[in-house]
Amino acid sequence: MTMLVAGVLLWMVVHLFPVFAPTFRAGLVSQMGEKPYAGVFTLLIVASLVLIVFGWRSVGPDYNIYDADWLRHVTYAFVLVSIILFGAAKAPSRIRTYLRHPMLTGMLLWAVGHLLVNNDPRSLVLFGGMALWSVISIIGINRRDGAYTPPAVKGWGVEIRLVLISVVIYVALVFAHPYFTGMPLL
């Protein structure tokens, strides 16, 4: 469990560093340069993911804290919405006119959805940690950046394309889930 906790904490610290220490980050960028800083950031994120994956696999689901298998359909819906929100973060969609942080909100929904049905200690560490990181990031970015000015959007083509692509990705993830997590969904 130590590797998993270390991986989640490293993920959080690396991502929260530019949010809560922007001046220190700017100093590092001026000393190192933008590309070396980005390289170190990327290496630390990759290291956190490696720790998370190996930590997750090293700890089995020892025991269930609660029984909520009946909520799996809610989880499926949360994950689909989270995929749509991930896409909305990079597209000029209407979602961004209402939601300042679609990717972080999508991560929060993904984490909460998984917490609903994964009720062992390792799941609480991983998904609970990601939910906590999402909330802290949203609050920190809002404080750092001030008032939100939503982007201007035109037409419905982006939304239609976004939903269609998200459904395809969702279906692919449902079928691929057993191969990268070891847990079948169907």
N, C-alpha and C. Protein backbone atom coordinates (compact mmCIF):
# COMPACT_ATOMS: atom_id res chain seq x y z
N MET A 1 0.83 -1.19 0.00
CA MET A 1 0.00 0.00 0.00
C MET A 1 0.88 1.26 0.00
N THR A 2 2.11 1.14 0.48
CA THR A 2 3.01 2.29 0.56
C THR A 2 3.28 2.87 -0.82
N MET A 3 3.52 2.00 -1.80
CA MET A 3 3.78 2.48 -3.17
C MET A 3 2.57 3.21 -3.72
N LEU A 4 1.39 2.69 -3.50
CA LEU A 4 0.17 3.32 -3.99
C LEU A 4 -0.03 4.69 -3.36
N VAL A 5 0.13 4.77 -2.05
CA VAL A 5 -0.01 6.05 -1.35
C VAL A 5 1.04 7.04 -1.86
N ALA A 6 2.29 6.56 -2.02
CA ALA A 6 3.36 7.44 -2.52
C ALA A 6 3.04 7.93 -3.93
N GLY A 7 2.52 7.06 -4.77
CA GLY A 7 2.17 7.46 -6.13
C GLY A 7 1.07 8.50 -6.17
N VAL A 8 0.02 8.30 -5.38
CA VAL A 8 -1.09 9.26 -5.34
C VAL A 8 -0.60 10.59 -4.78
N LEU A 9 0.22 10.55 -3.73
CA LEU A 9 0.74 11.80 -3.15
C LEU A 9 1.66 12.52 -4.13
N LEU A 10 2.51 11.78 -4.83
CA LEU A 10 3.39 12.41 -5.81
C LEU A 10 2.57 13.06 -6.93
N TRP A 11 1.55 12.37 -7.41
CA TRP A 11 0.64 12.92 -8.42
C TRP A 11 0.05 14.25 -7.94
N MET A 12 -0.45 14.24 -6.71
CA MET A 12 -1.09 15.43 -6.16
C MET A 12 -0.10 16.58 -6.01
N VAL A 13 1.06 16.31 -5.42
CA VAL A 13 2.04 17.37 -5.18
C VAL A 13 2.52 17.97 -6.48
N VAL A 14 2.85 17.15 -7.45
CA VAL A 14 3.35 17.66 -8.73
C VAL A 14 2.29 18.50 -9.43
N HIS A 15 1.04 18.06 -9.43
CA HIS A 15 -0.02 18.83 -10.08
C HIS A 15 -0.40 20.08 -9.29
N LEU A 16 -0.33 20.02 -7.98
CA LEU A 16 -0.73 21.17 -7.17
C LEU A 16 0.38 22.22 -7.06
N PHE A 17 1.61 21.84 -7.34
CA PHE A 17 2.74 22.77 -7.26
C PHE A 17 2.52 24.04 -8.08
N PRO A 18 2.18 23.94 -9.38
CA PRO A 18 1.97 25.18 -10.14
C PRO A 18 0.72 25.95 -9.71
N VAL A 19 -0.22 25.27 -9.07
CA VAL A 19 -1.45 25.94 -8.63
C VAL A 19 -1.18 26.79 -7.39
N PHE A 20 -0.46 26.23 -6.43
CA PHE A 20 -0.27 26.91 -5.15
C PHE A 20 1.09 27.59 -5.00
N ALA A 21 2.01 27.35 -5.92
CA ALA A 21 3.32 28.01 -5.86
C ALA A 21 3.70 28.55 -7.24
N PRO A 22 2.85 29.40 -7.85
CA PRO A 22 3.13 29.88 -9.20
C PRO A 22 4.40 30.71 -9.30
N THR A 23 4.72 31.47 -8.26
CA THR A 23 5.94 32.28 -8.29
C THR A 23 7.17 31.39 -8.25
N PHE A 24 7.14 30.39 -7.39
CA PHE A 24 8.27 29.46 -7.31
C PHE A 24 8.42 28.70 -8.62
N ARG A 25 7.28 28.31 -9.22
CA ARG A 25 7.32 27.62 -10.51
C ARG A 25 7.94 28.52 -11.57
N ALA A 26 7.54 29.79 -11.58
CA ALA A 26 8.09 30.75 -12.56
C ALA A 26 9.60 30.90 -12.37
N GLY A 27 10.05 30.91 -11.12
CA GLY A 27 11.49 30.97 -10.86
C GLY A 27 12.22 29.75 -11.39
N LEU A 28 11.64 28.57 -11.19
CA LEU A 28 12.24 27.34 -11.73
C LEU A 28 12.29 27.37 -13.25
N VAL A 29 11.21 27.83 -13.87
CA VAL A 29 11.17 27.90 -15.33
C VAL A 29 12.22 28.87 -15.84
N SER A 30 12.40 30.00 -15.16
CA SER A 30 13.41 30.96 -15.62
C SER A 30 14.82 30.42 -15.43
N GLN A 31 15.04 29.63 -14.40
CA GLN A 31 16.36 29.02 -14.18
C GLN A 31 16.62 27.86 -15.14
N MET A 32 15.63 26.99 -15.28
CA MET A 32 15.82 25.76 -16.06
C MET A 32 15.47 25.93 -17.53
N GLY A 33 14.50 26.78 -17.81
CA GLY A 33 13.93 26.86 -19.15
C GLY A 33 12.61 26.10 -19.17
N GLU A 34 11.75 26.47 -20.10
CA GLU A 34 10.40 25.86 -20.16
C GLU A 34 10.45 24.37 -20.49
N LYS A 35 11.26 24.00 -21.47
CA LYS A 35 11.31 22.59 -21.88
C LYS A 35 11.92 21.68 -20.80
N PRO A 36 13.04 22.05 -20.19
CA PRO A 36 13.54 21.19 -19.10
C PRO A 36 12.56 21.08 -17.93
N TYR A 37 11.89 22.20 -17.59
CA TYR A 37 10.90 22.15 -16.52
C TYR A 37 9.77 21.18 -16.91
N ALA A 38 9.29 21.30 -18.13
CA ALA A 38 8.23 20.40 -18.61
C ALA A 38 8.71 18.95 -18.59
N GLY A 39 9.97 18.72 -18.91
CA GLY A 39 10.53 17.37 -18.88
C GLY A 39 10.55 16.80 -17.48
N VAL A 40 10.98 17.60 -16.50
CA VAL A 40 11.00 17.15 -15.10
C VAL A 40 9.58 16.89 -14.62
N PHE A 41 8.67 17.81 -14.95
CA PHE A 41 7.25 17.64 -14.58
C PHE A 41 6.73 16.32 -15.14
N THR A 42 7.00 16.07 -16.42
CA THR A 42 6.52 14.85 -17.07
C THR A 42 7.13 13.61 -16.42
N LEU A 43 8.42 13.65 -16.14
CA LEU A 43 9.07 12.50 -15.49
C LEU A 43 8.46 12.21 -14.12
N LEU A 44 8.16 13.26 -13.37
CA LEU A 44 7.55 13.07 -12.05
C LEU A 44 6.14 12.50 -12.17
N ILE A 45 5.39 12.94 -13.17
CA ILE A 45 4.04 12.39 -13.38
C ILE A 45 4.13 10.93 -13.80
N VAL A 46 5.06 10.61 -14.69
CA VAL A 46 5.24 9.21 -15.10
C VAL A 46 5.65 8.37 -13.89
N ALA A 47 6.54 8.90 -13.06
CA ALA A 47 6.95 8.17 -11.85
C ALA A 47 5.75 7.93 -10.94
N SER A 48 4.88 8.95 -10.81
CA SER A 48 3.70 8.77 -9.96
C SER A 48 2.79 7.69 -10.53
N LEU A 49 2.62 7.68 -11.84
CA LEU A 49 1.77 6.66 -12.47
C LEU A 49 2.36 5.26 -12.30
N VAL A 50 3.67 5.14 -12.43
CA VAL A 50 4.33 3.84 -12.22
C VAL A 50 4.10 3.38 -10.79
N LEU A 51 4.29 4.29 -9.83
CA LEU A 51 4.05 3.93 -8.43
C LEU A 51 2.59 3.54 -8.20
N ILE A 52 1.68 4.26 -8.82
CA ILE A 52 0.25 3.94 -8.66
C ILE A 52 -0.05 2.56 -9.24
N VAL A 53 0.41 2.29 -10.45
CA VAL A 53 0.12 1.00 -11.08
C VAL A 53 0.73 -0.15 -10.30
N PHE A 54 2.02 -0.05 -9.97
CA PHE A 54 2.66 -1.14 -9.23
C PHE A 54 2.12 -1.24 -7.80
N GLY A 55 1.80 -0.10 -7.21
CA GLY A 55 1.21 -0.12 -5.87
C GLY A 55 -0.16 -0.76 -5.88
N TRP A 56 -0.95 -0.44 -6.91
CA TRP A 56 -2.29 -1.03 -7.04
C TRP A 56 -2.19 -2.54 -7.20
N ARG A 57 -1.29 -2.98 -8.06
CA ARG A 57 -1.17 -4.42 -8.33
C ARG A 57 -0.55 -5.19 -7.16
N SER A 58 0.22 -4.50 -6.32
CA SER A 58 0.87 -5.19 -5.21
C SER A 58 -0.06 -5.41 -4.02
N VAL A 59 -1.18 -4.70 -4.00
CA VAL A 59 -2.12 -4.82 -2.90
C VAL A 59 -3.43 -5.36 -3.45
N GLY A 60 -3.85 -6.49 -2.94
CA GLY A 60 -5.12 -7.05 -3.39
C GLY A 60 -6.28 -6.38 -2.67
N PRO A 61 -7.47 -6.58 -3.21
CA PRO A 61 -8.65 -6.06 -2.50
C PRO A 61 -8.91 -6.93 -1.27
N ASP A 62 -8.31 -6.55 -0.14
CA ASP A 62 -8.35 -7.35 1.09
C ASP A 62 -9.75 -7.63 1.57
N TYR A 63 -10.53 -6.60 1.74
CA TYR A 63 -11.87 -6.75 2.28
C TYR A 63 -12.71 -5.58 1.79
N ASN A 64 -14.00 -5.76 1.83
CA ASN A 64 -14.91 -4.71 1.41
C ASN A 64 -15.36 -3.91 2.62
N ILE A 65 -15.32 -2.60 2.48
CA ILE A 65 -15.73 -1.73 3.57
C ILE A 65 -17.25 -1.56 3.56
N TYR A 66 -17.84 -1.57 2.38
CA TYR A 66 -19.29 -1.43 2.25
C TYR A 66 -19.72 -2.19 1.01
N ASP A 67 -21.01 -2.44 0.88
CA ASP A 67 -21.53 -3.16 -0.27
C ASP A 67 -22.38 -2.21 -1.10
N ALA A 68 -21.90 -1.93 -2.31
CA ALA A 68 -22.63 -0.99 -3.15
C ALA A 68 -22.61 -1.40 -4.61
N ASP A 69 -22.60 -2.70 -4.87
CA ASP A 69 -22.57 -3.18 -6.25
C ASP A 69 -23.79 -2.70 -7.04
N TRP A 70 -24.88 -2.44 -6.34
CA TRP A 70 -26.10 -1.99 -7.00
C TRP A 70 -25.93 -0.60 -7.60
N LEU A 71 -24.86 0.09 -7.26
CA LEU A 71 -24.61 1.43 -7.81
C LEU A 71 -23.77 1.42 -9.09
N ARG A 72 -23.49 0.24 -9.61
CA ARG A 72 -22.59 0.19 -10.78
C ARG A 72 -23.15 0.95 -11.98
N HIS A 73 -24.46 1.01 -12.14
CA HIS A 73 -25.04 1.74 -13.27
C HIS A 73 -24.83 3.24 -13.11
N VAL A 74 -24.84 3.71 -11.88
CA VAL A 74 -24.51 5.12 -11.63
C VAL A 74 -23.05 5.37 -12.01
N THR A 75 -22.19 4.43 -11.67
CA THR A 75 -20.78 4.55 -12.03
C THR A 75 -20.62 4.60 -13.54
N TYR A 76 -21.31 3.75 -14.27
CA TYR A 76 -21.22 3.77 -15.73
C TYR A 76 -21.62 5.14 -16.28
N ALA A 77 -22.68 5.72 -15.73
CA ALA A 77 -23.13 7.04 -16.18
C ALA A 77 -22.09 8.11 -15.83
N PHE A 78 -21.54 8.05 -14.61
CA PHE A 78 -20.53 9.02 -14.21
C PHE A 78 -19.30 8.95 -15.11
N VAL A 79 -18.89 7.74 -15.47
CA VAL A 79 -17.70 7.59 -16.31
C VAL A 79 -17.98 8.14 -17.71
N LEU A 80 -19.14 7.87 -18.27
CA LEU A 80 -19.47 8.43 -19.58
C LEU A 80 -19.45 9.95 -19.55
N VAL A 81 -20.07 10.53 -18.54
CA VAL A 81 -20.07 11.99 -18.42
C VAL A 81 -18.65 12.51 -18.22
N SER A 82 -17.83 11.78 -17.46
CA SER A 82 -16.46 12.23 -17.25
C SER A 82 -15.66 12.22 -18.55
N ILE A 83 -15.89 11.25 -19.41
CA ILE A 83 -15.20 11.21 -20.71
C ILE A 83 -15.64 12.40 -21.57
N ILE A 84 -16.92 12.71 -21.54
CA ILE A 84 -17.41 13.88 -22.28
C ILE A 84 -16.75 15.15 -21.73
N LEU A 85 -16.64 15.25 -20.42
CA LEU A 85 -16.02 16.43 -19.82
C LEU A 85 -14.53 16.52 -20.13
N PHE A 86 -13.86 15.37 -20.19
CA PHE A 86 -12.44 15.39 -20.57
C PHE A 86 -12.29 15.99 -21.97
N GLY A 87 -13.14 15.56 -22.89
CA GLY A 87 -13.10 16.11 -24.24
C GLY A 87 -13.47 17.58 -24.28
N ALA A 88 -14.42 17.97 -23.46
CA ALA A 88 -14.87 19.37 -23.43
C ALA A 88 -13.77 20.30 -22.94
N ALA A 89 -12.85 19.78 -22.18
CA ALA A 89 -11.76 20.61 -21.65
C ALA A 89 -10.87 21.14 -22.77
N LYS A 90 -10.79 20.43 -23.86
CA LYS A 90 -9.91 20.83 -24.96
C LYS A 90 -10.68 21.31 -26.19
N ALA A 91 -12.00 21.28 -26.13
CA ALA A 91 -12.80 21.69 -27.29
C ALA A 91 -13.58 22.96 -26.95
N PRO A 92 -13.85 23.79 -27.93
CA PRO A 92 -14.64 25.00 -27.68
C PRO A 92 -16.13 24.66 -27.58
N SER A 93 -16.50 23.93 -26.54
CA SER A 93 -17.88 23.46 -26.42
C SER A 93 -18.69 24.35 -25.47
N ARG A 94 -19.98 24.17 -25.52
CA ARG A 94 -20.89 24.89 -24.63
C ARG A 94 -20.67 24.51 -23.17
N ILE A 95 -20.17 23.33 -22.95
CA ILE A 95 -19.91 22.87 -21.59
C ILE A 95 -18.98 23.86 -20.88
N ARG A 96 -18.01 24.37 -21.61
CA ARG A 96 -17.05 25.30 -21.01
C ARG A 96 -17.67 26.66 -20.70
N THR A 97 -18.82 26.95 -21.26
CA THR A 97 -19.49 28.21 -20.90
C THR A 97 -20.16 28.09 -19.53
N TYR A 98 -20.44 26.87 -19.10
CA TYR A 98 -21.08 26.65 -17.81
C TYR A 98 -20.13 26.08 -16.75
N LEU A 99 -19.09 25.44 -17.21
CA LEU A 99 -18.20 24.71 -16.30
C LEU A 99 -16.76 25.16 -16.54
N ARG A 100 -16.16 25.77 -15.54
CA ARG A 100 -14.82 26.31 -15.68
C ARG A 100 -13.75 25.22 -15.81
N HIS A 101 -13.94 24.13 -15.12
CA HIS A 101 -12.93 23.07 -15.07
C HIS A 101 -13.52 21.71 -15.51
N PRO A 102 -13.82 21.55 -16.78
CA PRO A 102 -14.45 20.29 -17.18
C PRO A 102 -13.56 19.06 -16.95
N MET A 103 -12.25 19.18 -17.15
CA MET A 103 -11.40 18.00 -16.97
C MET A 103 -11.32 17.61 -15.50
N LEU A 104 -11.13 18.58 -14.62
CA LEU A 104 -11.07 18.28 -13.20
C LEU A 104 -12.42 17.78 -12.68
N THR A 105 -13.50 18.36 -13.19
CA THR A 105 -14.83 17.88 -12.82
C THR A 105 -15.05 16.46 -13.33
N GLY A 106 -14.56 16.18 -14.54
CA GLY A 106 -14.63 14.83 -15.08
C GLY A 106 -13.84 13.84 -14.23
N MET A 107 -12.65 14.27 -13.78
CA MET A 107 -11.84 13.40 -12.91
C MET A 107 -12.57 13.15 -11.59
N LEU A 108 -13.20 14.18 -11.07
CA LEU A 108 -13.96 14.03 -9.83
C LEU A 108 -15.11 13.03 -10.01
N LEU A 109 -15.85 13.15 -11.10
CA LEU A 109 -16.94 12.21 -11.37
C LEU A 109 -16.42 10.79 -11.56
N TRP A 110 -15.30 10.65 -12.29
CA TRP A 110 -14.69 9.34 -12.49
C TRP A 110 -14.32 8.72 -11.15
N ALA A 111 -13.68 9.52 -10.30
CA ALA A 111 -13.24 9.02 -8.99
C ALA A 111 -14.42 8.65 -8.11
N VAL A 112 -15.42 9.54 -8.02
CA VAL A 112 -16.59 9.27 -7.18
C VAL A 112 -17.34 8.05 -7.72
N GLY A 113 -17.47 7.96 -9.03
CA GLY A 113 -18.13 6.80 -9.62
C GLY A 113 -17.44 5.51 -9.24
N HIS A 114 -16.12 5.52 -9.30
CA HIS A 114 -15.38 4.32 -8.92
C HIS A 114 -15.45 4.04 -7.42
N LEU A 115 -15.50 5.10 -6.61
CA LEU A 115 -15.65 4.90 -5.17
C LEU A 115 -16.99 4.26 -4.82
N LEU A 116 -18.01 4.51 -5.65
CA LEU A 116 -19.33 3.94 -5.37
C LEU A 116 -19.32 2.42 -5.42
N VAL A 117 -18.49 1.85 -6.29
CA VAL A 117 -18.53 0.40 -6.47
C VAL A 117 -17.25 -0.33 -6.06
N ASN A 118 -16.18 0.40 -5.88
CA ASN A 118 -14.93 -0.22 -5.43
C ASN A 118 -14.75 0.15 -3.97
N ASN A 119 -14.91 -0.83 -3.13
CA ASN A 119 -15.02 -0.55 -1.70
C ASN A 119 -13.94 -1.20 -0.86
N ASP A 120 -12.76 -1.34 -1.40
CA ASP A 120 -11.66 -1.90 -0.65
C ASP A 120 -10.67 -0.77 -0.33
N PRO A 121 -9.75 -1.00 0.60
CA PRO A 121 -8.84 0.07 1.01
C PRO A 121 -8.00 0.66 -0.12
N ARG A 122 -7.50 -0.16 -1.04
CA ARG A 122 -6.67 0.39 -2.11
C ARG A 122 -7.48 1.30 -3.03
N SER A 123 -8.77 0.97 -3.23
CA SER A 123 -9.64 1.82 -4.05
C SER A 123 -9.90 3.15 -3.35
N LEU A 124 -10.07 3.10 -2.04
CA LEU A 124 -10.28 4.34 -1.30
C LEU A 124 -9.06 5.25 -1.40
N VAL A 125 -7.86 4.66 -1.38
CA VAL A 125 -6.64 5.46 -1.52
C VAL A 125 -6.56 6.07 -2.91
N LEU A 126 -6.72 5.25 -3.95
CA LEU A 126 -6.58 5.74 -5.32
C LEU A 126 -7.70 6.70 -5.70
N PHE A 127 -8.92 6.24 -5.64
CA PHE A 127 -10.03 7.06 -6.12
C PHE A 127 -10.35 8.21 -5.16
N GLY A 128 -10.20 7.95 -3.87
CA GLY A 128 -10.38 9.03 -2.90
C GLY A 128 -9.30 10.11 -3.07
N GLY A 129 -8.07 9.67 -3.32
CA GLY A 129 -6.98 10.62 -3.55
C GLY A 129 -7.20 11.45 -4.79
N MET A 130 -7.67 10.83 -5.85
CA MET A 130 -7.92 11.57 -7.09
C MET A 130 -9.11 12.53 -6.94
N ALA A 131 -10.11 12.11 -6.19
CA ALA A 131 -11.24 13.03 -5.94
C ALA A 131 -10.78 14.23 -5.12
N LEU A 132 -10.00 13.97 -4.09
CA LEU A 132 -9.48 15.05 -3.26
C LEU A 132 -8.61 16.00 -4.07
N TRP A 133 -7.72 15.45 -4.89
CA TRP A 133 -6.86 16.27 -5.75
C TRP A 133 -7.70 17.15 -6.68
N SER A 134 -8.75 16.59 -7.26
CA SER A 134 -9.61 17.36 -8.17
C SER A 134 -10.24 18.55 -7.46
N VAL A 135 -10.78 18.31 -6.29
CA VAL A 135 -11.45 19.39 -5.54
C VAL A 135 -10.45 20.46 -5.14
N ILE A 136 -9.29 20.05 -4.61
CA ILE A 136 -8.27 21.02 -4.21
C ILE A 136 -7.79 21.82 -5.42
N SER A 137 -7.63 21.16 -6.55
CA SER A 137 -7.18 21.85 -7.77
C SER A 137 -8.21 22.89 -8.22
N ILE A 138 -9.47 22.52 -8.23
CA ILE A 138 -10.52 23.45 -8.66
C ILE A 138 -10.52 24.69 -7.76
N ILE A 139 -10.46 24.47 -6.45
CA ILE A 139 -10.46 25.59 -5.51
C ILE A 139 -9.21 26.45 -5.70
N GLY A 140 -8.06 25.81 -5.81
CA GLY A 140 -6.80 26.54 -5.96
C GLY A 140 -6.72 27.33 -7.26
N ILE A 141 -7.14 26.74 -8.36
CA ILE A 141 -7.10 27.43 -9.65
C ILE A 141 -8.08 28.61 -9.64
N ASN A 142 -9.25 28.42 -9.06
CA ASN A 142 -10.20 29.52 -8.97
C ASN A 142 -9.63 30.69 -8.17
N ARG A 143 -8.96 30.39 -7.08
CA ARG A 143 -8.34 31.46 -6.28
C ARG A 143 -7.19 32.12 -7.03
N ARG A 144 -6.38 31.31 -7.67
CA ARG A 144 -5.22 31.84 -8.38
C ARG A 144 -5.61 32.69 -9.58
N ASP A 145 -6.59 32.23 -10.35
CA ASP A 145 -6.91 32.88 -11.63
C ASP A 145 -8.01 33.93 -11.54
N GLY A 146 -8.75 33.98 -10.46
CA GLY A 146 -9.79 35.00 -10.33
C GLY A 146 -11.04 34.67 -11.13
N ALA A 147 -11.73 35.72 -11.55
CA ALA A 147 -13.02 35.56 -12.23
C ALA A 147 -12.87 34.79 -13.54
N TYR A 148 -13.90 34.05 -13.86
CA TYR A 148 -13.91 33.21 -15.06
C TYR A 148 -14.65 33.91 -16.19
N THR A 149 -14.02 33.92 -17.35
CA THR A 149 -14.66 34.44 -18.55
C THR A 149 -14.88 33.27 -19.50
N PRO A 150 -16.13 32.83 -19.65
CA PRO A 150 -16.38 31.67 -20.51
C PRO A 150 -16.07 31.98 -21.97
N PRO A 151 -15.62 30.96 -22.70
CA PRO A 151 -15.33 31.18 -24.12
C PRO A 151 -16.61 31.33 -24.93
N ALA A 152 -16.50 32.02 -26.05
CA ALA A 152 -17.63 32.13 -26.98
C ALA A 152 -17.67 30.88 -27.85
N VAL A 153 -18.85 30.36 -28.06
CA VAL A 153 -19.01 29.16 -28.89
C VAL A 153 -20.06 29.42 -29.96
N LYS A 154 -19.93 28.68 -31.05
CA LYS A 154 -20.88 28.81 -32.15
C LYS A 154 -21.35 27.42 -32.57
N GLY A 155 -22.60 27.29 -32.89
CA GLY A 155 -23.12 26.05 -33.44
C GLY A 155 -23.12 24.90 -32.45
N TRP A 156 -23.71 23.80 -32.87
CA TRP A 156 -23.80 22.60 -32.06
C TRP A 156 -22.92 21.47 -32.56
N GLY A 157 -22.16 21.71 -33.62
CA GLY A 157 -21.32 20.66 -34.19
C GLY A 157 -20.30 20.11 -33.23
N VAL A 158 -19.69 20.98 -32.44
CA VAL A 158 -18.67 20.53 -31.49
C VAL A 158 -19.28 19.60 -30.45
N GLU A 159 -20.45 19.94 -29.93
CA GLU A 159 -21.09 19.10 -28.92
C GLU A 159 -21.48 17.74 -29.47
N ILE A 160 -22.04 17.72 -30.67
CA ILE A 160 -22.44 16.46 -31.28
C ILE A 160 -21.22 15.56 -31.50
N ARG A 161 -20.18 16.15 -32.06
CA ARG A 161 -18.94 15.39 -32.29
C ARG A 161 -18.34 14.91 -30.96
N LEU A 162 -18.35 15.78 -29.97
CA LEU A 162 -17.81 15.44 -28.66
C LEU A 162 -18.55 14.26 -28.04
N VAL A 163 -19.86 14.26 -28.10
CA VAL A 163 -20.65 13.16 -27.52
C VAL A 163 -20.41 11.87 -28.30
N LEU A 164 -20.40 11.94 -29.62
CA LEU A 164 -20.18 10.73 -30.43
C LEU A 164 -18.81 10.12 -30.16
N ILE A 165 -17.78 10.95 -30.15
CA ILE A 165 -16.42 10.45 -29.88
C ILE A 165 -16.35 9.88 -28.47
N SER A 166 -16.98 10.55 -27.51
CA SER A 166 -16.96 10.08 -26.12
C SER A 166 -17.64 8.73 -25.98
N VAL A 167 -18.74 8.52 -26.68
CA VAL A 167 -19.43 7.23 -26.61
C VAL A 167 -18.54 6.12 -27.19
N VAL A 168 -17.86 6.40 -28.28
CA VAL A 168 -16.95 5.41 -28.87
C VAL A 168 -15.82 5.08 -27.89
N ILE A 169 -15.23 6.10 -27.28
CA ILE A 169 -14.17 5.88 -26.30
C ILE A 169 -14.70 5.10 -25.10
N TYR A 170 -15.89 5.44 -24.65
CA TYR A 170 -16.51 4.76 -23.52
C TYR A 170 -16.69 3.27 -23.81
N VAL A 171 -17.23 2.95 -24.97
CA VAL A 171 -17.44 1.54 -25.34
C VAL A 171 -16.10 0.80 -25.41
N ALA A 172 -15.10 1.46 -26.00
CA ALA A 172 -13.77 0.85 -26.08
C ALA A 172 -13.20 0.60 -24.68
N LEU A 173 -13.38 1.55 -23.78
CA LEU A 173 -12.88 1.37 -22.41
C LEU A 173 -13.62 0.26 -21.66
N VAL A 174 -14.92 0.13 -21.90
CA VAL A 174 -15.67 -0.95 -21.26
C VAL A 174 -15.10 -2.31 -21.68
N PHE A 175 -14.82 -2.46 -22.96
CA PHE A 175 -14.28 -3.74 -23.43
C PHE A 175 -12.81 -3.93 -23.07
N ALA A 176 -12.04 -2.85 -22.97
CA ALA A 176 -10.62 -2.95 -22.65
C ALA A 176 -10.37 -2.99 -21.14
N HIS A 177 -11.34 -2.62 -20.34
CA HIS A 177 -11.17 -2.53 -18.89
C HIS A 177 -10.54 -3.76 -18.25
N PRO A 178 -10.96 -4.98 -18.62
CA PRO A 178 -10.34 -6.15 -17.99
C PRO A 178 -8.86 -6.30 -18.31
N TYR A 179 -8.43 -5.77 -19.44
CA TYR A 179 -7.03 -5.94 -19.86
C TYR A 179 -6.09 -4.97 -19.15
N PHE A 180 -6.57 -3.77 -18.81
CA PHE A 180 -5.65 -2.86 -18.14
C PHE A 180 -5.94 -2.71 -16.64
N THR A 181 -7.03 -3.28 -16.15
CA THR A 181 -7.30 -3.24 -14.71
C THR A 181 -7.43 -4.63 -14.09
N GLY A 182 -7.68 -5.62 -14.92
CA GLY A 182 -7.91 -6.96 -14.40
C GLY A 182 -9.33 -7.18 -13.90
N MET A 183 -10.21 -6.20 -14.12
CA MET A 183 -11.58 -6.29 -13.64
C MET A 183 -12.57 -6.16 -14.80
N PRO A 184 -13.24 -7.25 -15.15
CA PRO A 184 -14.23 -7.16 -16.24
C PRO A 184 -15.47 -6.37 -15.82
N LEU A 185 -16.05 -5.67 -16.76
CA LEU A 185 -17.26 -4.89 -16.49
C LEU A 185 -18.51 -5.58 -17.02
N LEU A 186 -18.34 -6.46 -17.97
CA LEU A 186 -19.48 -7.15 -18.56
C LEU A 186 -19.56 -8.59 -18.12
